[in-house]
Structure formats: C-alpha cells, structure tokens
Amino acid sequence: MKRLMISLIVLFIASTVSLEAAPEYAKWGTVAVKETQKRYKADIIDYKHIGRTELTPNKSVEKFKLWLRSKEGNEFGVYVFITFDPSTEIIKSIEFTESTR
C-alpha cells in the first residue's frame, strides 16, 4: 500500500510538471526559424526571443535574434521582426537584418 501511495504521488508530481504551457511567443519563434532557414539556407545554432512591441491595437512586432552558420562555416546573426495583427494573428510582414555580433 505504501508503494502504491508513493507511486501515485510521483505520478501526480510528474504530470503537474509537464503541464507547463509554451510561451506566448513560441508560435512566432517557429515562424522566425522557418523563414530564416528558407532565406539563408544555413544552420541555426542559437535563438533568442528579444520581446514584443505593441505598436497599435492592430499591430504588434515580435523580435528575435538567431545565430547562423553558413555551409562555408561563417557565423553571423540575423534579427527577425515579425509584424502581425494580434487579434487575428495574420502576419503583415517579416523583416531580416544581418548582424556580425
């Protein structure tokens, strides 16, 4: 009986820990990664969410910095700015700016 109780407690704790929700920006991070891969055809070796800016009630921008490695071995950063309507989640534009740092 003691083993059963311990097993149930462990199972409860494990299921509670796994219920954490993905961050709100996760969807936009996926878009940033896919669009960057399409544009640059390079390996993405690092990823950082910079933040969201709400410009108007119908226009927000999610900002990311991705670090890439080209097939030649060169590394460089790319800032990705995804402008979208937060109420409909329709993308208005995606902009890329390269960085050496």
C-alpha atoms as a PDB file:
ATOM      1  CA  MET A   1       0.000   0.000   0.000  1.00  0.00           C
ATOM      2  CA  LYS A   2       2.880   2.329   0.829  1.00  0.00           C
ATOM      3  CA  ARG A   3       4.436   1.716  -2.615  1.00  0.00           C
ATOM      4  CA  LEU A   4       1.118   2.464  -4.300  1.00  0.00           C
ATOM      5  CA  MET A   5       0.810   5.792  -2.459  1.00  0.00           C
ATOM      6  CA  ILE A   6       4.384   6.771  -3.347  1.00  0.00           C
ATOM      7  CA  SER A   7       3.810   5.808  -6.977  1.00  0.00           C
ATOM      8  CA  LEU A   8       0.650   7.903  -7.139  1.00  0.00           C
ATOM      9  CA  ILE A   9       2.396  10.907  -5.593  1.00  0.00           C
ATOM     10  CA  VAL A  10       5.311  10.631  -8.045  1.00  0.00           C
ATOM     11  CA  LEU A  11       2.893  10.285 -10.953  1.00  0.00           C
ATOM     12  CA  PHE A  12       0.933  13.346  -9.789  1.00  0.00           C
ATOM     13  CA  ILE A  13       4.088  15.458  -9.474  1.00  0.00           C
ATOM     14  CA  ALA A  14       5.390  14.344 -12.869  1.00  0.00           C
ATOM     15  CA  SER A  15       2.093  15.140 -14.607  1.00  0.00           C
ATOM     16  CA  THR A  16       1.887  18.560 -12.943  1.00  0.00           C
ATOM     17  CA  VAL A  17       5.388  19.499 -14.086  1.00  0.00           C
ATOM     18  CA  SER A  18       4.694  18.529 -17.703  1.00  0.00           C
ATOM     19  CA  LEU A  19       1.582  20.740 -17.922  1.00  0.00           C
ATOM     20  CA  GLU A  20       3.571  23.958 -18.302  1.00  0.00           C
ATOM     21  CA  ALA A  21       2.320  25.956 -21.259  1.00  0.00           C
ATOM     22  CA  ALA A  22       4.515  27.054 -24.140  1.00  0.00           C
ATOM     23  CA  PRO A  23       5.402  30.743 -24.037  1.00  0.00           C
ATOM     24  CA  GLU A  24       3.152  33.094 -25.987  1.00  0.00           C
ATOM     25  CA  TYR A  25       5.936  33.883 -28.464  1.00  0.00           C
ATOM     26  CA  ALA A  26       6.606  30.191 -29.322  1.00  0.00           C
ATOM     27  CA  LYS A  27       4.395  30.284 -32.440  1.00  0.00           C
ATOM     28  CA  TRP A  28       6.247  33.342 -33.731  1.00  0.00           C
ATOM     29  CA  GLY A  29       9.603  31.760 -32.907  1.00  0.00           C
ATOM     30  CA  THR A  30       8.715  28.822 -35.124  1.00  0.00           C
ATOM     31  CA  VAL A  31       7.824  31.216 -37.942  1.00  0.00           C
ATOM     32  CA  ALA A  32      11.105  33.125 -37.441  1.00  0.00           C
ATOM     33  CA  VAL A  33      13.163  29.930 -37.593  1.00  0.00           C
ATOM     34  CA  LYS A  34      11.395  28.526 -40.680  1.00  0.00           C
ATOM     35  CA  GLU A  35      11.520  31.789 -42.629  1.00  0.00           C
ATOM     36  CA  THR A  36      15.182  32.340 -41.729  1.00  0.00           C
ATOM     37  CA  GLN A  37      16.075  28.824 -42.871  1.00  0.00           C
ATOM     38  CA  LYS A  38      14.254  29.420 -46.170  1.00  0.00           C
ATOM     39  CA  ARG A  39      16.002  32.727 -46.757  1.00  0.00           C
ATOM     40  CA  TYR A  40      19.559  31.872 -45.678  1.00  0.00           C
ATOM     41  CA  LYS A  41      19.836  28.086 -46.177  1.00  0.00           C
ATOM     42  CA  ALA A  42      22.130  27.935 -43.121  1.00  0.00           C
ATOM     43  CA  ASP A  43      22.183  26.073 -39.811  1.00  0.00           C
ATOM     44  CA  ILE A  44      20.606  27.921 -36.909  1.00  0.00           C
ATOM     45  CA  ILE A  45      22.866  27.415 -33.914  1.00  0.00           C
ATOM     46  CA  ASP A  46      21.243  29.764 -31.393  1.00  0.00           C
ATOM     47  CA  TYR A  47      17.942  31.541 -30.853  1.00  0.00           C
ATOM     48  CA  LYS A  48      16.794  34.357 -28.579  1.00  0.00           C
ATOM     49  CA  HIS A  49      13.415  35.992 -28.127  1.00  0.00           C
ATOM     50  CA  ILE A  50      14.007  39.717 -27.667  1.00  0.00           C
ATOM     51  CA  GLY A  51      10.423  40.735 -26.971  1.00  0.00           C
ATOM     52  CA  ARG A  52       7.139  42.028 -28.279  1.00  0.00           C
ATOM     53  CA  THR A  53       6.266  45.641 -29.059  1.00  0.00           C
ATOM     54  CA  GLU A  54       2.634  46.659 -29.426  1.00  0.00           C
ATOM     55  CA  LEU A  55       2.587  49.482 -31.964  1.00  0.00           C
ATOM     56  CA  THR A  56      -1.194  49.908 -32.238  1.00  0.00           C
ATOM     57  CA  PRO A  57      -4.189  47.791 -31.169  1.00  0.00           C
ATOM     58  CA  ASN A  58      -3.987  46.090 -34.596  1.00  0.00           C
ATOM     59  CA  LYS A  59      -0.210  45.898 -34.995  1.00  0.00           C
ATOM     60  CA  SER A  60       2.452  44.172 -32.897  1.00  0.00           C
ATOM     61  CA  VAL A  61       6.043  43.135 -33.594  1.00  0.00           C
ATOM     62  CA  GLU A  62       7.790  40.045 -32.204  1.00  0.00           C
ATOM     63  CA  LYS A  63      11.579  40.356 -32.258  1.00  0.00           C
ATOM     64  CA  PHE A  64      14.095  37.522 -32.357  1.00  0.00           C
ATOM     65  CA  LYS A  65      17.827  37.143 -32.842  1.00  0.00           C
ATOM     66  CA  LEU A  66      19.067  33.965 -34.499  1.00  0.00           C
ATOM     67  CA  TRP A  67      22.710  32.965 -34.832  1.00  0.00           C
ATOM     68  CA  LEU A  68      23.508  31.120 -38.073  1.00  0.00           C
ATOM     69  CA  ARG A  69      26.382  29.105 -39.513  1.00  0.00           C
ATOM     70  CA  SER A  70      26.707  29.029 -43.295  1.00  0.00           C
ATOM     71  CA  LYS A  71      27.781  25.948 -45.202  1.00  0.00           C
ATOM     72  CA  GLU A  72      31.216  27.606 -45.536  1.00  0.00           C
ATOM     73  CA  GLY A  73      31.470  27.831 -41.738  1.00  0.00           C
ATOM     74  CA  ASN A  74      30.883  31.576 -41.370  1.00  0.00           C
ATOM     75  CA  GLU A  75      28.792  32.621 -38.371  1.00  0.00           C
ATOM     76  CA  PHE A  76      26.533  35.659 -38.276  1.00  0.00           C
ATOM     77  CA  GLY A  77      23.445  36.952 -36.519  1.00  0.00           C
ATOM     78  CA  VAL A  78      20.080  37.739 -38.018  1.00  0.00           C
ATOM     79  CA  TYR A  79      17.433  39.853 -36.338  1.00  0.00           C
ATOM     80  CA  VAL A  80      13.932  38.823 -37.353  1.00  0.00           C
ATOM     81  CA  PHE A  81      10.989  41.186 -36.913  1.00  0.00           C
ATOM     82  CA  ILE A  82       7.523  39.696 -37.418  1.00  0.00           C
ATOM     83  CA  THR A  83       4.773  42.314 -37.696  1.00  0.00           C
ATOM     84  CA  PHE A  84       1.268  40.945 -37.220  1.00  0.00           C
ATOM     85  CA  ASP A  85      -2.272  41.732 -36.126  1.00  0.00           C
ATOM     86  CA  PRO A  86      -2.567  40.376 -32.551  1.00  0.00           C
ATOM     87  CA  SER A  87      -6.336  39.888 -32.753  1.00  0.00           C
ATOM     88  CA  THR A  88      -6.261  37.779 -35.940  1.00  0.00           C
ATOM     89  CA  GLU A  89      -2.598  36.629 -35.807  1.00  0.00           C
ATOM     90  CA  ILE A  90      -2.278  37.449 -39.512  1.00  0.00           C
ATOM     91  CA  ILE A  91       1.314  38.244 -40.465  1.00  0.00           C
ATOM     92  CA  LYS A  92       1.740  41.637 -42.126  1.00  0.00           C
ATOM     93  CA  SER A  93       5.499  41.462 -42.755  1.00  0.00           C
ATOM     94  CA  ILE A  94       8.719  39.671 -41.844  1.00  0.00           C
ATOM     95  CA  GLU A  95      11.954  41.670 -41.905  1.00  0.00           C
ATOM     96  CA  PHE A  96      15.533  40.408 -41.609  1.00  0.00           C
ATOM     97  CA  THR A  97      18.579  42.419 -40.551  1.00  0.00           C
ATOM     98  CA  GLU A  98      22.018  40.798 -40.512  1.00  0.00           C
ATOM     99  CA  SER A  99      24.479  41.385 -37.687  1.00  0.00           C
ATOM    100  CA  THR A 100      28.097  40.408 -37.116  1.00  0.00           C
ATOM    101  CA  ARG A 101      27.715  40.416 -33.327  1.00  0.00           C
END
